[in-house]
PDB file of all heavy atoms in Angstrom:
ATOM      1  N   HIS A   1      13.078 146.010  42.568  1.00  0.00           N
ATOM      2  CA  HIS A   1      13.253 147.257  41.819  1.00  0.00           C
ATOM      3  C   HIS A   1      13.199 148.421  42.795  1.00  0.00           C
ATOM      4  O   HIS A   1      12.197 148.632  43.485  1.00  0.00           O
ATOM      5  CB  HIS A   1      12.179 147.432  40.756  1.00  0.00           C
ATOM      6  CG  HIS A   1      12.226 148.790  40.106  1.00  0.00           C
ATOM      7  ND1 HIS A   1      13.319 149.246  39.415  1.00  0.00           N
ATOM      8  CD2 HIS A   1      11.317 149.806  40.086  1.00  0.00           C
ATOM      9  CE1 HIS A   1      13.089 150.474  38.973  1.00  0.00           C
ATOM     10  NE2 HIS A   1      11.888 150.841  39.371  1.00  0.00           N
ATOM     11  N   CYS A   2      14.269 149.182  42.851  1.00  0.00           N
ATOM     12  CA  CYS A   2      14.372 150.315  43.770  1.00  0.00           C
ATOM     13  C   CYS A   2      13.924 151.585  43.057  1.00  0.00           C
ATOM     14  O   CYS A   2      14.577 152.042  42.121  1.00  0.00           O
ATOM     15  CB  CYS A   2      15.807 150.458  44.262  1.00  0.00           C
ATOM     16  SG  CYS A   2      16.474 148.925  44.966  1.00  0.00           S
ATOM     17  N   GLU A   3      12.824 152.147  43.489  1.00  0.00           N
ATOM     18  CA  GLU A   3      12.255 153.346  42.851  1.00  0.00           C
ATOM     19  C   GLU A   3      12.264 154.488  43.863  1.00  0.00           C
ATOM     20  O   GLU A   3      11.536 154.463  44.853  1.00  0.00           O
ATOM     21  CB  GLU A   3      10.831 153.063  42.387  1.00  0.00           C
ATOM     22  CG  GLU A   3      10.141 154.230  41.717  1.00  0.00           C
ATOM     23  CD  GLU A   3      10.848 154.674  40.440  1.00  0.00           C
ATOM     24  OE1 GLU A   3      11.205 153.800  39.616  1.00  0.00           O
ATOM     25  OE2 GLU A   3      11.052 155.888  40.280  1.00  0.00           O
ATOM     26  N   GLN A   4      13.119 155.488  43.607  1.00  0.00           N
ATOM     27  CA  GLN A   4      13.246 156.591  44.550  1.00  0.00           C
ATOM     28  C   GLN A   4      12.647 157.894  44.044  1.00  0.00           C
ATOM     29  O   GLN A   4      12.596 158.878  44.764  1.00  0.00           O
ATOM     30  CB  GLN A   4      14.721 156.812  44.910  1.00  0.00           C
ATOM     31  CG  GLN A   4      15.520 157.642  43.918  1.00  0.00           C
ATOM     32  CD  GLN A   4      15.918 156.867  42.690  1.00  0.00           C
ATOM     33  OE1 GLN A   4      15.762 155.651  42.648  1.00  0.00           O
ATOM     34  NE2 GLN A   4      16.423 157.550  41.672  1.00  0.00           N
ATOM     35  N   GLU A   5      12.184 157.921  42.785  1.00  0.00           N
ATOM     36  CA  GLU A   5      11.632 159.158  42.229  1.00  0.00           C
ATOM     37  C   GLU A   5      10.351 159.562  42.969  1.00  0.00           C
ATOM     38  O   GLU A   5       9.481 158.728  43.221  1.00  0.00           O
ATOM     39  CB  GLU A   5      11.327 158.977  40.745  1.00  0.00           C
ATOM     40  CG  GLU A   5      12.548 158.738  39.878  1.00  0.00           C
ATOM     41  CD  GLU A   5      13.473 159.948  39.828  1.00  0.00           C
ATOM     42  OE1 GLU A   5      12.980 161.077  40.024  1.00  0.00           O
ATOM     43  OE2 GLU A   5      14.686 159.753  39.613  1.00  0.00           O
ATOM     44  N   SER A   6      10.245 160.841  43.276  1.00  0.00           N
ATOM     45  CA  SER A   6       9.049 161.324  43.970  1.00  0.00           C
ATOM     46  C   SER A   6       7.830 161.333  43.058  1.00  0.00           C
ATOM     47  O   SER A   6       6.702 161.263  43.522  1.00  0.00           O
ATOM     48  CB  SER A   6       9.298 162.730  44.525  1.00  0.00           C
ATOM     49  OG  SER A   6      10.291 162.699  45.522  1.00  0.00           O
ATOM     50  N   ASN A   7       8.089 161.434  41.740  1.00  0.00           N
ATOM     51  CA  ASN A   7       6.994 161.428  40.769  1.00  0.00           C
ATOM     52  C   ASN A   7       7.255 160.345  39.718  1.00  0.00           C
ATOM     53  O   ASN A   7       7.579 160.650  38.561  1.00  0.00           O
ATOM     54  CB  ASN A   7       6.867 162.797  40.100  1.00  0.00           C
ATOM     55  CG  ASN A   7       6.463 163.882  41.073  1.00  0.00           C
ATOM     56  OD1 ASN A   7       5.416 163.807  41.703  1.00  0.00           O
ATOM     57  ND2 ASN A   7       7.312 164.892  41.214  1.00  0.00           N
ATOM     58  N   PRO A   8       7.127 159.089  40.095  1.00  0.00           N
ATOM     59  CA  PRO A   8       7.384 158.014  39.136  1.00  0.00           C
ATOM     60  C   PRO A   8       6.368 158.032  37.997  1.00  0.00           C
ATOM     61  O   PRO A   8       5.227 158.475  38.173  1.00  0.00           O
ATOM     62  CB  PRO A   8       7.235 156.743  39.987  1.00  0.00           C
ATOM     63  CG  PRO A   8       6.370 157.152  41.123  1.00  0.00           C
ATOM     64  CD  PRO A   8       6.714 158.581  41.406  1.00  0.00           C
ATOM     65  N   LYS A   9       6.789 157.577  36.836  1.00  0.00           N
ATOM     66  CA  LYS A   9       5.906 157.547  35.680  1.00  0.00           C
ATOM     67  C   LYS A   9       4.826 156.488  35.858  1.00  0.00           C
ATOM     68  O   LYS A   9       5.032 155.473  36.515  1.00  0.00           O
ATOM     69  CB  LYS A   9       6.716 157.263  34.415  1.00  0.00           C
ATOM     70  CG  LYS A   9       7.733 158.343  34.086  1.00  0.00           C
ATOM     71  CD  LYS A   9       8.516 157.993  32.835  1.00  0.00           C
ATOM     72  CE  LYS A   9       9.544 159.068  32.503  1.00  0.00           C
ATOM     73  NZ  LYS A   9      10.340 158.723  31.293  1.00  0.00           N
ATOM     74  N   ARG A  10       3.698 156.725  35.228  1.00  0.00           N
ATOM     75  CA  ARG A  10       2.598 155.779  35.354  1.00  0.00           C
ATOM     76  C   ARG A  10       2.902 154.445  34.670  1.00  0.00           C
ATOM     77  O   ARG A  10       2.248 153.441  34.927  1.00  0.00           O
ATOM     78  CB  ARG A  10       1.305 156.367  34.777  1.00  0.00           C
ATOM     79  CG  ARG A  10       1.271 156.480  33.256  1.00  0.00           C
ATOM     80  CD  ARG A  10      -0.015 157.104  32.766  1.00  0.00           C
ATOM     81  NE  ARG A  10      -0.136 157.060  31.321  1.00  0.00           N
ATOM     82  CZ  ARG A  10      -0.696 156.052  30.635  1.00  0.00           C
ATOM     83  NH1 ARG A  10      -1.216 155.038  31.300  1.00  0.00           N
ATOM     84  NH2 ARG A  10      -0.748 156.070  29.326  1.00  0.00           N
ATOM     85  N   THR A  11       3.923 154.436  33.791  1.00  0.00           N
ATOM     86  CA  THR A  11       4.294 153.211  33.076  1.00  0.00           C
ATOM     87  C   THR A  11       5.334 152.400  33.840  1.00  0.00           C
ATOM     88  O   THR A  11       5.949 151.508  33.266  1.00  0.00           O
ATOM     89  CB  THR A  11       4.858 153.564  31.690  1.00  0.00           C
ATOM     90  OG1 THR A  11       5.949 154.485  31.841  1.00  0.00           O
ATOM     91  CG2 THR A  11       3.793 154.175  30.801  1.00  0.00           C
ATOM     92  N   ILE A  12       5.523 152.679  35.117  1.00  0.00           N
ATOM     93  CA  ILE A  12       6.554 151.991  35.876  1.00  0.00           C
ATOM     94  C   ILE A  12       6.377 150.478  35.854  1.00  0.00           C
ATOM     95  O   ILE A  12       7.347 149.722  35.747  1.00  0.00           O
ATOM     96  CB  ILE A  12       6.607 152.508  37.335  1.00  0.00           C
ATOM     97  CG1 ILE A  12       7.737 151.807  38.101  1.00  0.00           C
ATOM     98  CG2 ILE A  12       5.284 152.354  38.034  1.00  0.00           C
ATOM     99  CD1 ILE A  12       7.965 152.377  39.479  1.00  0.00           C
ATOM    100  N   SER A  13       5.134 149.998  35.932  1.00  0.00           N
ATOM    101  CA  SER A  13       4.915 148.551  35.920  1.00  0.00           C
ATOM    102  C   SER A  13       5.356 147.943  34.596  1.00  0.00           C
ATOM    103  O   SER A  13       5.944 146.852  34.561  1.00  0.00           O
ATOM    104  CB  SER A  13       3.439 148.229  36.181  1.00  0.00           C
ATOM    105  OG  SER A  13       2.604 148.824  35.197  1.00  0.00           O
ATOM    106  N   LEU A  14       5.099 148.656  33.493  1.00  0.00           N
ATOM    107  CA  LEU A  14       5.505 148.173  32.173  1.00  0.00           C
ATOM    108  C   LEU A  14       7.028 148.148  32.061  1.00  0.00           C
ATOM    109  O   LEU A  14       7.613 147.205  31.506  1.00  0.00           O
ATOM    110  CB  LEU A  14       4.903 149.070  31.092  1.00  0.00           C
ATOM    111  CG  LEU A  14       5.036 148.593  29.639  1.00  0.00           C
ATOM    112  CD1 LEU A  14       4.323 147.273  29.436  1.00  0.00           C
ATOM    113  CD2 LEU A  14       4.473 149.647  28.693  1.00  0.00           C
ATOM    114  N   ARG A  15       7.687 149.172  32.604  1.00  0.00           N
ATOM    115  CA  ARG A  15       9.142 149.225  32.571  1.00  0.00           C
ATOM    116  C   ARG A  15       9.763 148.091  33.393  1.00  0.00           C
ATOM    117  O   ARG A  15      10.751 147.484  32.980  1.00  0.00           O
ATOM    118  CB  ARG A  15       9.615 150.574  33.108  1.00  0.00           C
ATOM    119  CG  ARG A  15       9.284 151.740  32.223  1.00  0.00           C
ATOM    120  CD  ARG A  15      10.190 151.786  31.008  1.00  0.00           C
ATOM    121  NE  ARG A  15      11.540 152.211  31.359  1.00  0.00           N
ATOM    122  CZ  ARG A  15      12.592 152.050  30.571  1.00  0.00           C
ATOM    123  NH1 ARG A  15      12.457 151.426  29.421  1.00  0.00           N
ATOM    124  NH2 ARG A  15      13.782 152.478  30.938  1.00  0.00           N
ATOM    125  N   VAL A  16       9.183 147.809  34.533  1.00  0.00           N
ATOM    126  CA  VAL A  16       9.714 146.739  35.374  1.00  0.00           C
ATOM    127  C   VAL A  16       9.588 145.391  34.668  1.00  0.00           C
ATOM    128  O   VAL A  16      10.527 144.584  34.661  1.00  0.00           O
ATOM    129  CB  VAL A  16       8.983 146.706  36.735  1.00  0.00           C
ATOM    130  CG1 VAL A  16       9.318 145.433  37.505  1.00  0.00           C
ATOM    131  CG2 VAL A  16       9.376 147.927  37.563  1.00  0.00           C
ATOM    132  N   TRP A  17       8.429 145.145  34.049  1.00  0.00           N
ATOM    133  CA  TRP A  17       8.254 143.881  33.327  1.00  0.00           C
ATOM    134  C   TRP A  17       9.158 143.815  32.101  1.00  0.00           C
ATOM    135  O   TRP A  17       9.663 142.740  31.744  1.00  0.00           O
ATOM    136  CB  TRP A  17       6.784 143.697  32.927  1.00  0.00           C
ATOM    137  CG  TRP A  17       5.965 143.122  34.042  1.00  0.00           C
ATOM    138  CD1 TRP A  17       5.000 143.756  34.767  1.00  0.00           C
ATOM    139  CD2 TRP A  17       6.060 141.801  34.562  1.00  0.00           C
ATOM    140  NE1 TRP A  17       4.488 142.908  35.714  1.00  0.00           N
ATOM    141  CE2 TRP A  17       5.106 141.699  35.606  1.00  0.00           C
ATOM    142  CE3 TRP A  17       6.839 140.686  34.261  1.00  0.00           C
ATOM    143  CZ2 TRP A  17       4.934 140.533  36.352  1.00  0.00           C
ATOM    144  CZ3 TRP A  17       6.664 139.520  34.997  1.00  0.00           C
ATOM    145  CH2 TRP A  17       5.721 139.448  36.022  1.00  0.00           C
ATOM    146  N   GLN A  18       9.384 144.945  31.425  1.00  0.00           N
ATOM    147  CA  GLN A  18      10.303 144.967  30.295  1.00  0.00           C
ATOM    148  C   GLN A  18      11.698 144.529  30.740  1.00  0.00           C
ATOM    149  O   GLN A  18      12.338 143.685  30.102  1.00  0.00           O
ATOM    150  CB  GLN A  18      10.371 146.375  29.701  1.00  0.00           C
ATOM    151  CG  GLN A  18      11.369 146.513  28.553  1.00  0.00           C
ATOM    152  CD  GLN A  18      11.600 147.966  28.149  1.00  0.00           C
ATOM    153  OE1 GLN A  18      11.366 148.879  28.933  1.00  0.00           O
ATOM    154  NE2 GLN A  18      12.054 148.178  26.938  1.00  0.00           N
ATOM    155  N   TYR A  19      12.158 145.097  31.837  1.00  0.00           N
ATOM    156  CA  TYR A  19      13.478 144.765  32.365  1.00  0.00           C
ATOM    157  C   TYR A  19      13.546 143.302  32.787  1.00  0.00           C
ATOM    158  O   TYR A  19      14.522 142.598  32.512  1.00  0.00           O
ATOM    159  CB  TYR A  19      13.759 145.675  33.554  1.00  0.00           C
ATOM    160  CG  TYR A  19      15.151 145.546  34.137  1.00  0.00           C
ATOM    161  CD1 TYR A  19      16.272 145.893  33.408  1.00  0.00           C
ATOM    162  CD2 TYR A  19      15.328 145.100  35.445  1.00  0.00           C
ATOM    163  CE1 TYR A  19      17.542 145.795  33.950  1.00  0.00           C
ATOM    164  CE2 TYR A  19      16.593 144.992  35.995  1.00  0.00           C
ATOM    165  CZ  TYR A  19      17.693 145.340  35.243  1.00  0.00           C
ATOM    166  OH  TYR A  19      18.942 145.242  35.788  1.00  0.00           O
ATOM    167  N   LEU A  20      12.488 142.837  33.429  1.00  0.00           N
ATOM    168  CA  LEU A  20      12.453 141.458  33.903  1.00  0.00           C
ATOM    169  C   LEU A  20      12.421 140.466  32.748  1.00  0.00           C
ATOM    170  O   LEU A  20      13.108 139.432  32.767  1.00  0.00           O
ATOM    171  CB  LEU A  20      11.234 141.259  34.816  1.00  0.00           C
ATOM    172  CG  LEU A  20      11.108 139.918  35.549  1.00  0.00           C
ATOM    173  CD1 LEU A  20      12.405 139.566  36.264  1.00  0.00           C
ATOM    174  CD2 LEU A  20       9.961 139.983  36.544  1.00  0.00           C
ATOM    175  N   PHE A  21      11.652 140.767  31.691  1.00  0.00           N
ATOM    176  CA  PHE A  21      11.597 139.868  30.537  1.00  0.00           C
ATOM    177  C   PHE A  21      12.936 139.799  29.821  1.00  0.00           C
ATOM    178  O   PHE A  21      13.348 138.740  29.341  1.00  0.00           O
ATOM    179  CB  PHE A  21      10.499 140.300  29.568  1.00  0.00           C
ATOM    180  CG  PHE A  21       9.123 139.839  29.967  1.00  0.00           C
ATOM    181  CD1 PHE A  21       8.045 140.708  29.924  1.00  0.00           C
ATOM    182  CD2 PHE A  21       8.905 138.544  30.376  1.00  0.00           C
ATOM    183  CE1 PHE A  21       6.781 140.286  30.293  1.00  0.00           C
ATOM    184  CE2 PHE A  21       7.643 138.107  30.754  1.00  0.00           C
ATOM    185  CZ  PHE A  21       6.584 138.985  30.717  1.00  0.00           C
ATOM    186  N   LEU A  22      13.638 140.930  29.734  1.00  0.00           N
ATOM    187  CA  LEU A  22      14.959 140.921  29.112  1.00  0.00           C
ATOM    188  C   LEU A  22      15.935 140.078  29.931  1.00  0.00           C
ATOM    189  O   LEU A  22      16.766 139.351  29.376  1.00  0.00           O
ATOM    190  CB  LEU A  22      15.481 142.350  28.964  1.00  0.00           C
ATOM    191  CG  LEU A  22      14.816 143.179  27.869  1.00  0.00           C
ATOM    192  CD1 LEU A  22      15.276 144.633  27.952  1.00  0.00           C
ATOM    193  CD2 LEU A  22      15.122 142.619  26.483  1.00  0.00           C
ATOM    194  N   ALA A  23      15.818 140.150  31.241  1.00  0.00           N
ATOM    195  CA  ALA A  23      16.660 139.320  32.099  1.00  0.00           C
ATOM    196  C   ALA A  23      16.306 137.847  31.941  1.00  0.00           C
ATOM    197  O   ALA A  23      17.181 136.976  31.978  1.00  0.00           O
ATOM    198  CB  ALA A  23      16.521 139.760  33.556  1.00  0.00           C
ATOM    199  N   LEU A  24      15.032 137.545  31.750  1.00  0.00           N
ATOM    200  CA  LEU A  24      14.617 136.157  31.514  1.00  0.00           C
ATOM    201  C   LEU A  24      15.161 135.648  30.182  1.00  0.00           C
ATOM    202  O   LEU A  24      15.528 134.469  30.057  1.00  0.00           O
ATOM    203  CB  LEU A  24      13.084 136.053  31.530  1.00  0.00           C
ATOM    204  CG  LEU A  24      12.424 136.051  32.907  1.00  0.00           C
ATOM    205  CD1 LEU A  24      10.909 136.163  32.768  1.00  0.00           C
ATOM    206  CD2 LEU A  24      12.783 134.787  33.685  1.00  0.00           C
ATOM    207  N   MET A  25      15.218 136.532  29.182  1.00  0.00           N
ATOM    208  CA  MET A  25      15.823 136.147  27.910  1.00  0.00           C
ATOM    209  C   MET A  25      17.291 135.782  28.096  1.00  0.00           C
ATOM    210  O   MET A  25      17.783 134.799  27.540  1.00  0.00           O
ATOM    211  CB  MET A  25      15.699 137.291  26.904  1.00  0.00           C
ATOM    212  CG  MET A  25      14.348 137.407  26.238  1.00  0.00           C
ATOM    213  SD  MET A  25      13.995 136.002  25.148  1.00  0.00           S
ATOM    214  CE  MET A  25      15.325 136.178  23.947  1.00  0.00           C
ATOM    215  N   GLU A  26      17.982 136.571  28.898  1.00  0.00           N
ATOM    216  CA  GLU A  26      19.387 136.283  29.194  1.00  0.00           C
ATOM    217  C   GLU A  26      19.525 134.934  29.890  1.00  0.00           C
ATOM    218  O   GLU A  26      20.402 134.131  29.579  1.00  0.00           O
ATOM    219  CB  GLU A  26      19.966 137.396  30.056  1.00  0.00           C
ATOM    220  CG  GLU A  26      21.438 137.221  30.404  1.00  0.00           C
ATOM    221  CD  GLU A  26      21.661 136.987  31.883  1.00  0.00           C
ATOM    222  OE1 GLU A  26      20.672 136.789  32.607  1.00  0.00           O
ATOM    223  OE2 GLU A  26      22.811 136.992  32.307  1.00  0.00           O
ATOM    224  N   TYR A  27      18.631 134.683  30.840  1.00  0.00           N
ATOM    225  CA  TYR A  27      18.663 133.412  31.570  1.00  0.00           C
ATOM    226  C   TYR A  27      18.408 132.244  30.620  1.00  0.00           C
ATOM    227  O   TYR A  27      19.076 131.207  30.685  1.00  0.00           O
ATOM    228  CB  TYR A  27      17.617 133.414  32.686  1.00  0.00           C
ATOM    229  CG  TYR A  27      17.664 132.175  33.553  1.00  0.00           C
ATOM    230  CD1 TYR A  27      18.425 132.164  34.720  1.00  0.00           C
ATOM    231  CD2 TYR A  27      16.971 131.020  33.199  1.00  0.00           C
ATOM    232  CE1 TYR A  27      18.483 131.028  35.515  1.00  0.00           C
ATOM    233  CE2 TYR A  27      17.032 129.888  33.985  1.00  0.00           C
ATOM    234  CZ  TYR A  27      17.790 129.895  35.137  1.00  0.00           C
ATOM    235  OH  TYR A  27      17.858 128.754  35.920  1.00  0.00           O
ATOM    236  N   ALA A  28      17.442 132.408  29.718  1.00  0.00           N
ATOM    237  CA  ALA A  28      17.108 131.337  28.773  1.00  0.00           C
ATOM    238  C   ALA A  28      18.287 131.020  27.862  1.00  0.00           C
ATOM    239  O   ALA A  28      18.529 129.853  27.525  1.00  0.00           O
ATOM    240  CB  ALA A  28      15.884 131.737  27.947  1.00  0.00           C
ATOM    241  N   GLU A  29      19.031 132.050  27.451  1.00  0.00           N
ATOM    242  CA  GLU A  29      20.184 131.822  26.595  1.00  0.00           C
ATOM    243  C   GLU A  29      21.307 131.095  27.335  1.00  0.00           C
ATOM    244  O   GLU A  29      21.993 130.253  26.766  1.00  0.00           O
ATOM    245  CB  GLU A  29      20.704 133.151  26.049  1.00  0.00           C
ATOM    246  CG  GLU A  29      19.784 133.797  25.030  1.00  0.00           C
ATOM    247  CD  GLU A  29      20.372 135.064  24.441  1.00  0.00           C
ATOM    248  OE1 GLU A  29      21.471 135.466  24.892  1.00  0.00           O
ATOM    249  OE2 GLU A  29      19.751 135.633  23.538  1.00  0.00           O
ATOM    250  N   ASN A  30      21.477 131.419  28.600  1.00  0.00           N
ATOM    251  CA  ASN A  30      22.538 130.798  29.388  1.00  0.00           C
ATOM    252  C   ASN A  30      22.172 129.420  29.911  1.00  0.00           C
ATOM    253  O   ASN A  30      23.062 128.646  30.289  1.00  0.00           O
ATOM    254  CB  ASN A  30      22.914 131.700  30.574  1.00  0.00           C
ATOM    255  CG  ASN A  30      23.689 132.924  30.140  1.00  0.00           C
ATOM    256  OD1 ASN A  30      24.371 132.914  29.119  1.00  0.00           O
ATOM    257  ND2 ASN A  30      23.568 134.000  30.903  1.00  0.00           N
ATOM    258  N   HIS A  31      20.860 129.113  29.944  1.00  0.00           N
ATOM    259  CA  HIS A  31      20.401 127.819  30.457  1.00  0.00           C
ATOM    260  C   HIS A  31      19.372 127.222  29.485  1.00  0.00           C
ATOM    261  O   HIS A  31      18.196 127.086  29.821  1.00  0.00           O
ATOM    262  CB  HIS A  31      19.771 127.987  31.843  1.00  0.00           C
ATOM    263  CG  HIS A  31      20.644 128.702  32.832  1.00  0.00           C
ATOM    264  ND1 HIS A  31      20.717 130.078  32.908  1.00  0.00           N
ATOM    265  CD2 HIS A  31      21.495 128.231  33.787  1.00  0.00           C
ATOM    266  CE1 HIS A  31      21.566 130.418  33.876  1.00  0.00           C
ATOM    267  NE2 HIS A  31      22.053 129.316  34.413  1.00  0.00           N
ATOM    268  N   PRO A  32      19.810 126.877  28.277  1.00  0.00           N
ATOM    269  CA  PRO A  32      18.862 126.460  27.228  1.00  0.00           C
ATOM    270  C   PRO A  32      18.073 125.189  27.530  1.00  0.00           C
ATOM    271  O   PRO A  32      17.024 124.976  26.943  1.00  0.00           O
ATOM    272  CB  PRO A  32      19.778 126.261  26.004  1.00  0.00           C
ATOM    273  CG  PRO A  32      21.123 125.997  26.579  1.00  0.00           C
ATOM    274  CD  PRO A  32      21.211 126.833  27.826  1.00  0.00           C
TER     275      PRO A  32
END
């Protein structure tokens, strides 16, 4: 995850996991 903001939000870890879990859902659908 490339984060260039000088003032990143404190919820950045939650956002990264949200994105990663959605990608895992995509993987699960493509590889049942």
